Amino acid sequence: MIGQPIKMKSGKRGTNISVYADSEQMELVEEIRWREHLSKSELVRKALSEYLKAHANGNSTFKLDNWAENSNFRAIPTIMADSETWKSYLRDCGPEELRDLKNRFSYYKSLIEELI
């Protein structure tokens, strides 16, 4: 039986997708979606929206080939890493790198202060 095409907020017809998932995952999905009164389609659209929000601007993390292109390349901990991770990283930094980090963090601090 063929129903009416589903129109999205844009007014255009939506795209149909199929998803395979583990039965354990689906049991949890079913429990959550019933609790939140979501259809399976709404749940998938919500997940897609969250994924796009998180990744739309690209992933700004470093690529592994950065080390091949630049022998001085160093990855730093994420800004929200725990204190011990940062202490360990900073102990291995030279004076020039510490000054660069201090300047960057001072700049970020001033940006944050402007916003709050």
Foldseek 3Di string as FASTA:
>chain_A
DDDDFDADPVRDGDDDDDDDDDPVVVVVVVVVCVVVVHDPVRVVVVVVVVVCVVAVVHDPADDPCVCVVPVPDDDADPPPDDPVSNVVVVVPDDPVVVVVVVVVVVVVVVVVVVVD
